[in-house]
Amino acid sequence: MTALQKNFYILNGREVSEKEIFLSILKRGFLHGDGVFETLKAENFRILRWGGHWERLRKGAGVCGIEIGEESVKLRKRIVTALKKNGLDRAYIRINAWRKATESFDPGDEQRAEILVLMKKYKPYPEKFYRDGIRCIISKTYFKNDKSPLTRIKSLNYLENILARTEAKKQGYDDSILLNTERYLASASVSNLFFVKGKKIFTPSVSCGILPGITRKDVLEICGRHGIKTEEGKFFQGDLKKADEVFLTNSLMGVMPVRAIKNIFTGKQFSCAVFLREELKNTN
């Protein structure tokens, strides 16, 4: 890896430089957001939870009417080879898949995909976030559309998520928690939401218009193995006022404790989040 080079790419199965990625290839994904993506993490040159991410990518592409032709095992091997070649033992990986360019807005019967993998050095979240917790707001502006199938996939248009995060930042907070159109709790801007009451852990169900998170699934499985009661359901923001603990999950942050939710919740301890974060590391 050269001192100046930060990002590395695999385009349609071939490792390429940034200069070899042309707009003519990116066009449909760039102009119309006609595609999906997955964000993964690698530790010691090993891609974590590859199977779950690939399956979600494949299903998301299917919702868009796009077929991902490259075999999972083949692409994983190419990524691992590139990670080792470029010294990326801890890496951020993003797989992007979009429909091959057509001449019009209407894609017709085109289902073939372009696949671009971006790899770079993983930059962890500040340790103080895990130690002290983050601060959130309930978004007053953006809502998850629980009626739309697009809320359950990672499409190439993440504008709503970006604006929800910006809404929180403008108020001096770290992230936004979004409700759905029926005012039930949904998720944070790029993570799944959990809260603890007594000896039970609660999380919004997929029917609330959330992305079925890979780490969310792992956390629920860890709870099952340890006899911790969980409930997936429909909850109001008022339920957070009575919570003992709140935390967020995604593939890059793992388990992130929440210290406060504006005018709703103040956390005093993060024992559940700390326990689940450590258990999650052991399941990698």
C-alpha atoms as a PDB file:
ATOM      1  CA  MET A   1       0.000   0.000   0.000  1.00  0.00           C
ATOM      2  CA  THR A   2       1.462   3.362  -0.969  1.00  0.00           C
ATOM      3  CA  ALA A   3       1.607   6.188   1.545  1.00  0.00           C
ATOM      4  CA  LEU A   4      -0.817   8.335  -0.466  1.00  0.00           C
ATOM      5  CA  GLN A   5      -3.318   5.697  -1.488  1.00  0.00           C
ATOM      6  CA  LYS A   6      -6.288   5.411   0.871  1.00  0.00           C
ATOM      7  CA  ASN A   7      -8.995   3.605  -1.091  1.00  0.00           C
ATOM      8  CA  PHE A   8      -8.802   0.368  -3.058  1.00  0.00           C
ATOM      9  CA  TYR A   9     -11.337  -1.025  -5.507  1.00  0.00           C
ATOM     10  CA  ILE A  10     -12.599  -4.171  -7.172  1.00  0.00           C
ATOM     11  CA  LEU A  11     -14.825  -3.467 -10.181  1.00  0.00           C
ATOM     12  CA  ASN A  12     -16.749  -6.394 -11.634  1.00  0.00           C
ATOM     13  CA  GLY A  13     -14.239  -8.855 -10.214  1.00  0.00           C
ATOM     14  CA  ARG A  14     -11.047  -6.988 -11.164  1.00  0.00           C
ATOM     15  CA  GLU A  15      -8.876  -4.860  -8.889  1.00  0.00           C
ATOM     16  CA  VAL A  16      -8.654  -1.388 -10.436  1.00  0.00           C
ATOM     17  CA  SER A  17      -7.359   2.072  -9.613  1.00  0.00           C
ATOM     18  CA  GLU A  18      -9.675   5.014  -8.994  1.00  0.00           C
ATOM     19  CA  LYS A  19      -8.742   6.423 -12.408  1.00  0.00           C
ATOM     20  CA  GLU A  20     -10.185   3.341 -14.109  1.00  0.00           C
ATOM     21  CA  ILE A  21     -13.686   3.865 -12.705  1.00  0.00           C
ATOM     22  CA  PHE A  22     -15.562   5.931 -15.281  1.00  0.00           C
ATOM     23  CA  LEU A  23     -18.915   7.712 -15.141  1.00  0.00           C
ATOM     24  CA  SER A  24     -20.132   5.566 -18.026  1.00  0.00           C
ATOM     25  CA  ILE A  25     -20.041   2.593 -15.632  1.00  0.00           C
ATOM     26  CA  LEU A  26     -21.299   4.452 -12.559  1.00  0.00           C
ATOM     27  CA  LYS A  27     -23.954   6.360 -14.489  1.00  0.00           C
ATOM     28  CA  ARG A  28     -27.172   4.575 -13.544  1.00  0.00           C
ATOM     29  CA  GLY A  29     -26.259   4.194  -9.889  1.00  0.00           C
ATOM     30  CA  PHE A  30     -25.054   7.805  -9.745  1.00  0.00           C
ATOM     31  CA  LEU A  31     -27.940   9.395 -11.649  1.00  0.00           C
ATOM     32  CA  HIS A  32     -30.853   7.332 -10.358  1.00  0.00           C
ATOM     33  CA  GLY A  33     -29.667   5.492  -7.229  1.00  0.00           C
ATOM     34  CA  ASP A  34     -30.816   2.319  -8.979  1.00  0.00           C
ATOM     35  CA  GLY A  35     -29.031  -0.183  -6.769  1.00  0.00           C
ATOM     36  CA  VAL A  36     -28.103  -1.411  -3.304  1.00  0.00           C
ATOM     37  CA  PHE A  37     -25.066  -1.629  -1.047  1.00  0.00           C
ATOM     38  CA  GLU A  38     -23.678  -3.369   2.026  1.00  0.00           C
ATOM     39  CA  THR A  39     -21.132  -2.131   4.545  1.00  0.00           C
ATOM     40  CA  LEU A  40     -18.845  -4.702   6.152  1.00  0.00           C
ATOM     41  CA  LYS A  41     -15.849  -4.854   8.444  1.00  0.00           C
ATOM     42  CA  ALA A  42     -12.729  -7.015   8.289  1.00  0.00           C
ATOM     43  CA  GLU A  43     -10.532  -7.998  11.243  1.00  0.00           C
ATOM     44  CA  ASN A  44      -7.171  -9.709  10.716  1.00  0.00           C
ATOM     45  CA  PHE A  45      -7.962  -9.911   6.989  1.00  0.00           C
ATOM     46  CA  ARG A  46     -11.190 -11.832   7.738  1.00  0.00           C
ATOM     47  CA  ILE A  47     -14.528 -10.399   6.609  1.00  0.00           C
ATOM     48  CA  LEU A  48     -17.021 -10.485   9.454  1.00  0.00           C
ATOM     49  CA  ARG A  49     -20.518 -11.901   8.901  1.00  0.00           C
ATOM     50  CA  TRP A  50     -20.024 -12.238   5.167  1.00  0.00           C
ATOM     51  CA  GLY A  51     -22.905 -14.674   4.656  1.00  0.00           C
ATOM     52  CA  GLY A  52     -25.519 -12.448   6.250  1.00  0.00           C
ATOM     53  CA  HIS A  53     -24.401  -9.356   4.361  1.00  0.00           C
ATOM     54  CA  TRP A  54     -24.258 -11.138   1.008  1.00  0.00           C
ATOM     55  CA  GLU A  55     -27.726 -12.602   1.465  1.00  0.00           C
ATOM     56  CA  ARG A  56     -29.175  -9.194   2.350  1.00  0.00           C
ATOM     57  CA  LEU A  57     -27.433  -7.645  -0.660  1.00  0.00           C
ATOM     58  CA  ARG A  58     -28.853 -10.351  -2.925  1.00  0.00           C
ATOM     59  CA  LYS A  59     -32.375  -9.932  -1.541  1.00  0.00           C
ATOM     60  CA  GLY A  60     -32.179  -6.145  -1.755  1.00  0.00           C
ATOM     61  CA  ALA A  61     -31.055  -6.349  -5.369  1.00  0.00           C
ATOM     62  CA  GLY A  62     -33.965  -8.702  -6.008  1.00  0.00           C
ATOM     63  CA  VAL A  63     -36.413  -6.099  -4.699  1.00  0.00           C
ATOM     64  CA  CYS A  64     -34.931  -3.723  -7.301  1.00  0.00           C
ATOM     65  CA  GLY A  65     -35.175  -6.300 -10.071  1.00  0.00           C
ATOM     66  CA  ILE A  66     -31.387  -6.642 -10.288  1.00  0.00           C
ATOM     67  CA  GLU A  67     -29.513  -9.944 -10.472  1.00  0.00           C
ATOM     68  CA  ILE A  68     -26.088 -10.242  -8.848  1.00  0.00           C
ATOM     69  CA  GLY A  69     -24.227 -12.669 -11.057  1.00  0.00           C
ATOM     70  CA  GLU A  70     -20.936 -13.018  -9.195  1.00  0.00           C
ATOM     71  CA  GLU A  71     -20.731 -15.925  -6.820  1.00  0.00           C
ATOM     72  CA  SER A  72     -20.427 -15.085  -3.148  1.00  0.00           C
ATOM     73  CA  VAL A  73     -17.379 -17.278  -2.475  1.00  0.00           C
ATOM     74  CA  LYS A  74     -15.488 -15.989  -5.505  1.00  0.00           C
ATOM     75  CA  LEU A  75     -15.976 -12.323  -4.604  1.00  0.00           C
ATOM     76  CA  ARG A  76     -15.103 -12.896  -0.951  1.00  0.00           C
ATOM     77  CA  LYS A  77     -11.813 -14.526  -1.959  1.00  0.00           C
ATOM     78  CA  ARG A  78     -10.978 -11.608  -4.261  1.00  0.00           C
ATOM     79  CA  ILE A  79     -11.656  -9.113  -1.479  1.00  0.00           C
ATOM     80  CA  VAL A  80      -9.515 -11.023   1.034  1.00  0.00           C
ATOM     81  CA  THR A  81      -6.688 -11.220  -1.531  1.00  0.00           C
ATOM     82  CA  ALA A  82      -6.898  -7.445  -2.066  1.00  0.00           C
ATOM     83  CA  LEU A  83      -6.941  -6.783   1.695  1.00  0.00           C
ATOM     84  CA  LYS A  84      -3.770  -8.842   2.201  1.00  0.00           C
ATOM     85  CA  LYS A  85      -2.056  -7.335  -0.838  1.00  0.00           C
ATOM     86  CA  ASN A  86      -2.692  -3.798   0.416  1.00  0.00           C
ATOM     87  CA  GLY A  87      -2.072  -4.420   4.117  1.00  0.00           C
ATOM     88  CA  LEU A  88      -5.645  -3.756   5.234  1.00  0.00           C
ATOM     89  CA  ASP A  89      -5.857  -6.078   8.229  1.00  0.00           C
ATOM     90  CA  ARG A  90      -8.640  -3.953   9.767  1.00  0.00           C
ATOM     91  CA  ALA A  91     -10.791  -2.703   6.940  1.00  0.00           C
ATOM     92  CA  TYR A  92     -13.977  -0.910   6.023  1.00  0.00           C
ATOM     93  CA  ILE A  93     -15.581  -2.608   3.026  1.00  0.00           C
ATOM     94  CA  ARG A  94     -18.519  -1.364   0.989  1.00  0.00           C
ATOM     95  CA  ILE A  95     -20.071  -3.476  -1.771  1.00  0.00           C
ATOM     96  CA  ASN A  96     -22.145  -1.493  -4.267  1.00  0.00           C
ATOM     97  CA  ALA A  97     -24.371  -3.150  -6.872  1.00  0.00           C
ATOM     98  CA  TRP A  98     -26.379  -1.212  -9.425  1.00  0.00           C
ATOM     99  CA  ARG A  99     -28.148  -1.852 -12.699  1.00  0.00           C
ATOM    100  CA  LYS A 100     -26.094  -1.679 -15.869  1.00  0.00           C
ATOM    101  CA  ALA A 101     -26.660   1.577 -17.731  1.00  0.00           C
ATOM    102  CA  THR A 102     -29.646   1.833 -20.036  1.00  0.00           C
ATOM    103  CA  GLU A 103     -30.376   4.707 -22.387  1.00  0.00           C
ATOM    104  CA  SER A 104     -33.559   5.812 -20.614  1.00  0.00           C
ATOM    105  CA  PHE A 105     -34.959   6.247 -17.126  1.00  0.00           C
ATOM    106  CA  ASP A 106     -37.066   3.134 -17.691  1.00  0.00           C
ATOM    107  CA  PRO A 107     -34.714   0.158 -17.192  1.00  0.00           C
ATOM    108  CA  GLY A 108     -36.794  -2.098 -19.426  1.00  0.00           C
ATOM    109  CA  ASP A 109     -35.816  -5.715 -18.893  1.00  0.00           C
ATOM    110  CA  GLU A 110     -32.195  -4.979 -17.886  1.00  0.00           C
ATOM    111  CA  GLN A 111     -31.371  -6.968 -14.749  1.00  0.00           C
ATOM    112  CA  ARG A 112     -27.589  -7.276 -14.980  1.00  0.00           C
ATOM    113  CA  ALA A 113     -25.478  -5.567 -12.336  1.00  0.00           C
ATOM    114  CA  GLU A 114     -22.247  -3.637 -12.046  1.00  0.00           C
ATOM    115  CA  ILE A 115     -20.460  -4.432  -8.771  1.00  0.00           C
ATOM    116  CA  LEU A 116     -17.930  -2.110  -7.172  1.00  0.00           C
ATOM    117  CA  VAL A 117     -16.161  -2.955  -3.915  1.00  0.00           C
ATOM    118  CA  LEU A 118     -14.471  -0.134  -1.992  1.00  0.00           C
ATOM    119  CA  MET A 119     -11.907  -1.029   0.678  1.00  0.00           C
ATOM    120  CA  LYS A 120     -10.034   1.239   3.063  1.00  0.00           C
ATOM    121  CA  LYS A 121      -8.482   1.255   6.518  1.00  0.00           C
ATOM    122  CA  TYR A 122     -11.120   0.912   9.236  1.00  0.00           C
ATOM    123  CA  LYS A 123     -11.429   3.969  11.464  1.00  0.00           C
ATOM    124  CA  PRO A 124     -13.058   2.897  14.753  1.00  0.00           C
ATOM    125  CA  TYR A 125     -15.567   4.996  16.645  1.00  0.00           C
ATOM    126  CA  PRO A 126     -13.981   6.979  19.508  1.00  0.00           C
ATOM    127  CA  GLU A 127     -13.620   4.834  22.612  1.00  0.00           C
ATOM    128  CA  LYS A 128     -15.219   7.588  24.682  1.00  0.00           C
ATOM    129  CA  PHE A 129     -18.490   6.908  22.850  1.00  0.00           C
ATOM    130  CA  TYR A 130     -18.513   3.384  24.263  1.00  0.00           C
ATOM    131  CA  ARG A 131     -17.383   4.561  27.678  1.00  0.00           C
ATOM    132  CA  ASP A 132     -19.735   7.540  28.054  1.00  0.00           C
ATOM    133  CA  GLY A 133     -22.492   6.772  25.549  1.00  0.00           C
ATOM    134  CA  ILE A 134     -23.835   8.974  22.746  1.00  0.00           C
ATOM    135  CA  ARG A 135     -26.621  11.555  22.804  1.00  0.00           C
ATOM    136  CA  CYS A 136     -29.646  11.367  20.503  1.00  0.00           C
ATOM    137  CA  ILE A 137     -32.801  13.244  19.591  1.00  0.00           C
ATOM    138  CA  ILE A 138     -36.138  12.002  18.302  1.00  0.00           C
ATOM    139  CA  SER A 139     -36.392  13.364  14.764  1.00  0.00           C
ATOM    140  CA  LYS A 140     -39.267  15.791  14.258  1.00  0.00           C
ATOM    141  CA  THR A 141     -38.761  15.919  10.492  1.00  0.00           C
ATOM    142  CA  TYR A 142     -37.978  12.471   9.079  1.00  0.00           C
ATOM    143  CA  PHE A 143     -40.026   9.282   9.412  1.00  0.00           C
ATOM    144  CA  LYS A 144     -39.552   5.703   8.264  1.00  0.00           C
ATOM    145  CA  ASN A 145     -42.141   4.606   5.711  1.00  0.00           C
ATOM    146  CA  ASP A 146     -43.251   1.306   7.193  1.00  0.00           C
ATOM    147  CA  LYS A 147     -45.420   0.670   4.120  1.00  0.00           C
ATOM    148  CA  SER A 148     -42.507   0.774   1.661  1.00  0.00           C
ATOM    149  CA  PRO A 149     -40.324  -2.267   0.889  1.00  0.00           C
ATOM    150  CA  LEU A 150     -37.401   0.120   0.351  1.00  0.00           C
ATOM    151  CA  THR A 151     -37.083   0.745   4.094  1.00  0.00           C
ATOM    152  CA  ARG A 152     -35.961  -2.885   4.460  1.00  0.00           C
ATOM    153  CA  ILE A 153     -33.100  -2.683   1.954  1.00  0.00           C
ATOM    154  CA  LYS A 154     -29.939  -0.593   1.707  1.00  0.00           C
ATOM    155  CA  SER A 155     -30.632   1.356  -1.469  1.00  0.00           C
ATOM    156  CA  LEU A 156     -28.073   3.705  -3.006  1.00  0.00           C
ATOM    157  CA  ASN A 157     -30.200   6.670  -1.887  1.00  0.00           C
ATOM    158  CA  TYR A 158     -29.451   7.320   1.783  1.00  0.00           C
ATOM    159  CA  LEU A 159     -30.430  11.005   1.738  1.00  0.00           C
ATOM    160  CA  GLU A 160     -33.110  10.668   4.417  1.00  0.00           C
ATOM    161  CA  ASN A 161     -30.613   8.989   6.745  1.00  0.00           C
ATOM    162  CA  ILE A 162     -28.042  11.719   6.116  1.00  0.00           C
ATOM    163  CA  LEU A 163     -30.540  14.506   6.770  1.00  0.00           C
ATOM    164  CA  ALA A 164     -31.772  12.831   9.959  1.00  0.00           C
ATOM    165  CA  ARG A 165     -28.183  12.667  11.240  1.00  0.00           C
ATOM    166  CA  THR A 166     -27.664  16.313  10.236  1.00  0.00           C
ATOM    167  CA  GLU A 167     -30.798  17.311  12.156  1.00  0.00           C
ATOM    168  CA  ALA A 168     -29.237  15.864  15.320  1.00  0.00           C
ATOM    169  CA  LYS A 169     -25.812  17.416  14.691  1.00  0.00           C
ATOM    170  CA  LYS A 170     -27.344  20.899  14.284  1.00  0.00           C
ATOM    171  CA  GLN A 171     -28.769  20.554  17.787  1.00  0.00           C
ATOM    172  CA  GLY A 172     -25.458  19.414  19.254  1.00  0.00           C
ATOM    173  CA  TYR A 173     -26.391  15.722  19.430  1.00  0.00           C
ATOM    174  CA  ASP A 174     -24.785  12.649  17.877  1.00  0.00           C
ATOM    175  CA  ASP A 175     -27.690  10.947  16.114  1.00  0.00           C
ATOM    176  CA  SER A 176     -31.432  10.896  15.457  1.00  0.00           C
ATOM    177  CA  ILE A 177     -33.923   8.215  16.383  1.00  0.00           C
ATOM    178  CA  LEU A 178     -36.680   7.992  13.786  1.00  0.00           C
ATOM    179  CA  LEU A 179     -40.318   7.081  14.244  1.00  0.00           C
ATOM    180  CA  ASN A 180     -42.366   5.483  11.476  1.00  0.00           C
ATOM    181  CA  THR A 181     -45.483   6.923   9.849  1.00  0.00           C
ATOM    182  CA  GLU A 182     -47.636   5.488  12.645  1.00  0.00           C
ATOM    183  CA  ARG A 183     -45.385   7.149  15.249  1.00  0.00           C
ATOM    184  CA  TYR A 184     -43.931   3.877  16.498  1.00  0.00           C
ATOM    185  CA  LEU A 185     -40.202   3.714  17.235  1.00  0.00           C
ATOM    186  CA  ALA A 186     -38.197   2.571  14.200  1.00  0.00           C
ATOM    187  CA  SER A 187     -34.411   3.025  14.208  1.00  0.00           C
ATOM    188  CA  ALA A 188     -31.552   5.493  14.392  1.00  0.00           C
ATOM    189  CA  SER A 189     -30.123   7.036  11.216  1.00  0.00           C
ATOM    190  CA  VAL A 190     -27.870   4.073  10.346  1.00  0.00           C
ATOM    191  CA  SER A 191     -28.415   1.623  13.187  1.00  0.00           C
ATOM    192  CA  ASN A 192     -30.998  -0.511  14.932  1.00  0.00           C
ATOM    193  CA  LEU A 193     -32.516   0.511  18.249  1.00  0.00           C
ATOM    194  CA  PHE A 194     -32.744  -1.515  21.474  1.00  0.00           C
ATOM    195  CA  PHE A 195     -33.889  -0.611  24.975  1.00  0.00           C
ATOM    196  CA  VAL A 196     -33.805  -2.465  28.284  1.00  0.00           C
ATOM    197  CA  LYS A 197     -36.501  -2.570  30.960  1.00  0.00           C
ATOM    198  CA  GLY A 198     -35.864  -4.773  33.959  1.00  0.00           C
ATOM    199  CA  LYS A 199     -34.497  -8.092  32.729  1.00  0.00           C
ATOM    200  CA  LYS A 200     -35.909  -7.827  29.198  1.00  0.00           C
ATOM    201  CA  ILE A 201     -34.556  -6.298  25.998  1.00  0.00           C
ATOM    202  CA  PHE A 202     -36.921  -4.709  23.465  1.00  0.00           C
ATOM    203  CA  THR A 203     -36.391  -3.764  19.814  1.00  0.00           C
ATOM    204  CA  PRO A 204     -38.751  -2.515  17.072  1.00  0.00           C
ATOM    205  CA  SER A 205     -39.984  -5.274  14.778  1.00  0.00           C
ATOM    206  CA  VAL A 206     -39.145  -5.353  11.067  1.00  0.00           C
ATOM    207  CA  SER A 207     -42.797  -4.446  10.378  1.00  0.00           C
ATOM    208  CA  CYS A 208     -42.061  -0.996  11.853  1.00  0.00           C
ATOM    209  CA  GLY A 209     -40.140  -0.151   8.670  1.00  0.00           C
ATOM    210  CA  ILE A 210     -36.597  -0.944   9.775  1.00  0.00           C
ATOM    211  CA  LEU A 211     -33.631  -2.497   8.066  1.00  0.00           C
ATOM    212  CA  PRO A 212     -33.221  -6.090   9.348  1.00  0.00           C
ATOM    213  CA  GLY A 213     -29.745  -5.498  10.727  1.00  0.00           C
ATOM    214  CA  ILE A 214     -27.067  -8.187  10.680  1.00  0.00           C
ATOM    215  CA  THR A 215     -25.773  -7.119  14.114  1.00  0.00           C
ATOM    216  CA  ARG A 216     -29.355  -6.796  15.362  1.00  0.00           C
ATOM    217  CA  LYS A 217     -29.876 -10.459  14.495  1.00  0.00           C
ATOM    218  CA  ASP A 218     -26.631 -11.442  16.232  1.00  0.00           C
ATOM    219  CA  VAL A 219     -27.604  -9.556  19.397  1.00  0.00           C
ATOM    220  CA  LEU A 220     -30.968 -11.319  19.532  1.00  0.00           C
ATOM    221  CA  GLU A 221     -29.209 -14.681  19.097  1.00  0.00           C
ATOM    222  CA  ILE A 222     -26.693 -13.856  21.848  1.00  0.00           C
ATOM    223  CA  CYS A 223     -29.567 -12.982  24.164  1.00  0.00           C
ATOM    224  CA  GLY A 224     -31.223 -16.309  23.364  1.00  0.00           C
ATOM    225  CA  ARG A 225     -28.054 -18.253  24.178  1.00  0.00           C
ATOM    226  CA  HIS A 226     -27.738 -16.510  27.536  1.00  0.00           C
ATOM    227  CA  GLY A 227     -31.380 -16.832  28.519  1.00  0.00           C
ATOM    228  CA  ILE A 228     -32.028 -13.081  28.242  1.00  0.00           C
ATOM    229  CA  LYS A 229     -35.653 -12.348  27.372  1.00  0.00           C
ATOM    230  CA  THR A 230     -36.266 -10.266  24.252  1.00  0.00           C
ATOM    231  CA  GLU A 231     -39.305  -8.821  22.523  1.00  0.00           C
ATOM    232  CA  GLU A 232     -39.664  -7.520  18.971  1.00  0.00           C
ATOM    233  CA  GLY A 233     -42.713  -5.309  18.656  1.00  0.00           C
ATOM    234  CA  LYS A 234     -44.283  -1.890  18.235  1.00  0.00           C
ATOM    235  CA  PHE A 235     -43.270   0.680  20.822  1.00  0.00           C
ATOM    236  CA  PHE A 236     -43.836   4.390  21.362  1.00  0.00           C
ATOM    237  CA  GLN A 237     -41.191   6.938  22.289  1.00  0.00           C
ATOM    238  CA  GLY A 238     -42.821   7.083  25.718  1.00  0.00           C
ATOM    239  CA  ASP A 239     -41.524   3.569  26.308  1.00  0.00           C
ATOM    240  CA  LEU A 240     -38.008   4.991  26.262  1.00  0.00           C
ATOM    241  CA  LYS A 241     -38.805   7.199  29.269  1.00  0.00           C
ATOM    242  CA  LYS A 242     -39.181   4.067  31.383  1.00  0.00           C
ATOM    243  CA  ALA A 243     -36.066   2.348  29.980  1.00  0.00           C
ATOM    244  CA  ASP A 244     -33.124   1.371  32.153  1.00  0.00           C
ATOM    245  CA  GLU A 245     -30.771   1.376  29.182  1.00  0.00           C
ATOM    246  CA  VAL A 246     -30.781   2.219  25.455  1.00  0.00           C
ATOM    247  CA  PHE A 247     -28.271   1.130  22.809  1.00  0.00           C
ATOM    248  CA  LEU A 248     -27.795   1.048  19.043  1.00  0.00           C
ATOM    249  CA  THR A 249     -26.261  -1.599  16.791  1.00  0.00           C
ATOM    250  CA  ASN A 250     -24.728  -1.874  13.337  1.00  0.00           C
ATOM    251  CA  SER A 251     -21.875  -3.745  11.667  1.00  0.00           C
ATOM    252  CA  LEU A 252     -19.256  -1.017  12.109  1.00  0.00           C
ATOM    253  CA  MET A 253     -20.053   0.263  15.608  1.00  0.00           C
ATOM    254  CA  GLY A 254     -21.109  -3.068  17.101  1.00  0.00           C
ATOM    255  CA  VAL A 255     -23.109  -2.183  20.229  1.00  0.00           C
ATOM    256  CA  MET A 256     -23.196   1.533  21.088  1.00  0.00           C
ATOM    257  CA  PRO A 257     -24.669   2.756  24.416  1.00  0.00           C
ATOM    258  CA  VAL A 258     -26.926   5.822  24.442  1.00  0.00           C
ATOM    259  CA  ARG A 259     -26.347   8.253  27.300  1.00  0.00           C
ATOM    260  CA  ALA A 260     -29.289  10.529  26.619  1.00  0.00           C
ATOM    261  CA  ILE A 261     -32.287  11.123  24.367  1.00  0.00           C
ATOM    262  CA  LYS A 262     -33.334  14.756  24.373  1.00  0.00           C
ATOM    263  CA  ASN A 263     -36.184  15.425  26.837  1.00  0.00           C
ATOM    264  CA  ILE A 264     -36.918  11.691  27.106  1.00  0.00           C
ATOM    265  CA  PHE A 265     -34.149   9.512  28.529  1.00  0.00           C
ATOM    266  CA  THR A 266     -30.998   9.763  30.616  1.00  0.00           C
ATOM    267  CA  GLY A 267     -28.842   6.658  30.969  1.00  0.00           C
ATOM    268  CA  LYS A 268     -27.088   5.885  34.222  1.00  0.00           C
ATOM    269  CA  GLN A 269     -25.370   2.609  33.375  1.00  0.00           C
ATOM    270  CA  PHE A 270     -24.472   0.595  30.265  1.00  0.00           C
ATOM    271  CA  SER A 271     -23.974  -2.897  31.691  1.00  0.00           C
ATOM    272  CA  CYS A 272     -26.126  -4.638  29.083  1.00  0.00           C
ATOM    273  CA  ALA A 273     -24.487  -2.813  26.179  1.00  0.00           C
ATOM    274  CA  VAL A 274     -21.013  -3.571  27.527  1.00  0.00           C
ATOM    275  CA  PHE A 275     -21.852  -7.254  27.959  1.00  0.00           C
ATOM    276  CA  LEU A 276     -23.349  -7.579  24.460  1.00  0.00           C
ATOM    277  CA  ARG A 277     -20.453  -5.702  22.864  1.00  0.00           C
ATOM    278  CA  GLU A 278     -17.966  -8.164  24.325  1.00  0.00           C
ATOM    279  CA  GLU A 279     -20.099 -11.173  23.418  1.00  0.00           C
ATOM    280  CA  LEU A 280     -20.422  -9.867  19.871  1.00  0.00           C
ATOM    281  CA  LYS A 281     -16.638  -9.742  19.554  1.00  0.00           C
ATOM    282  CA  ASN A 282     -16.503 -13.393  20.571  1.00  0.00           C
ATOM    283  CA  THR A 283     -18.959 -14.403  17.838  1.00  0.00           C
ATOM    284  CA  ASN A 284     -16.971 -12.757  15.002  1.00  0.00           C
END
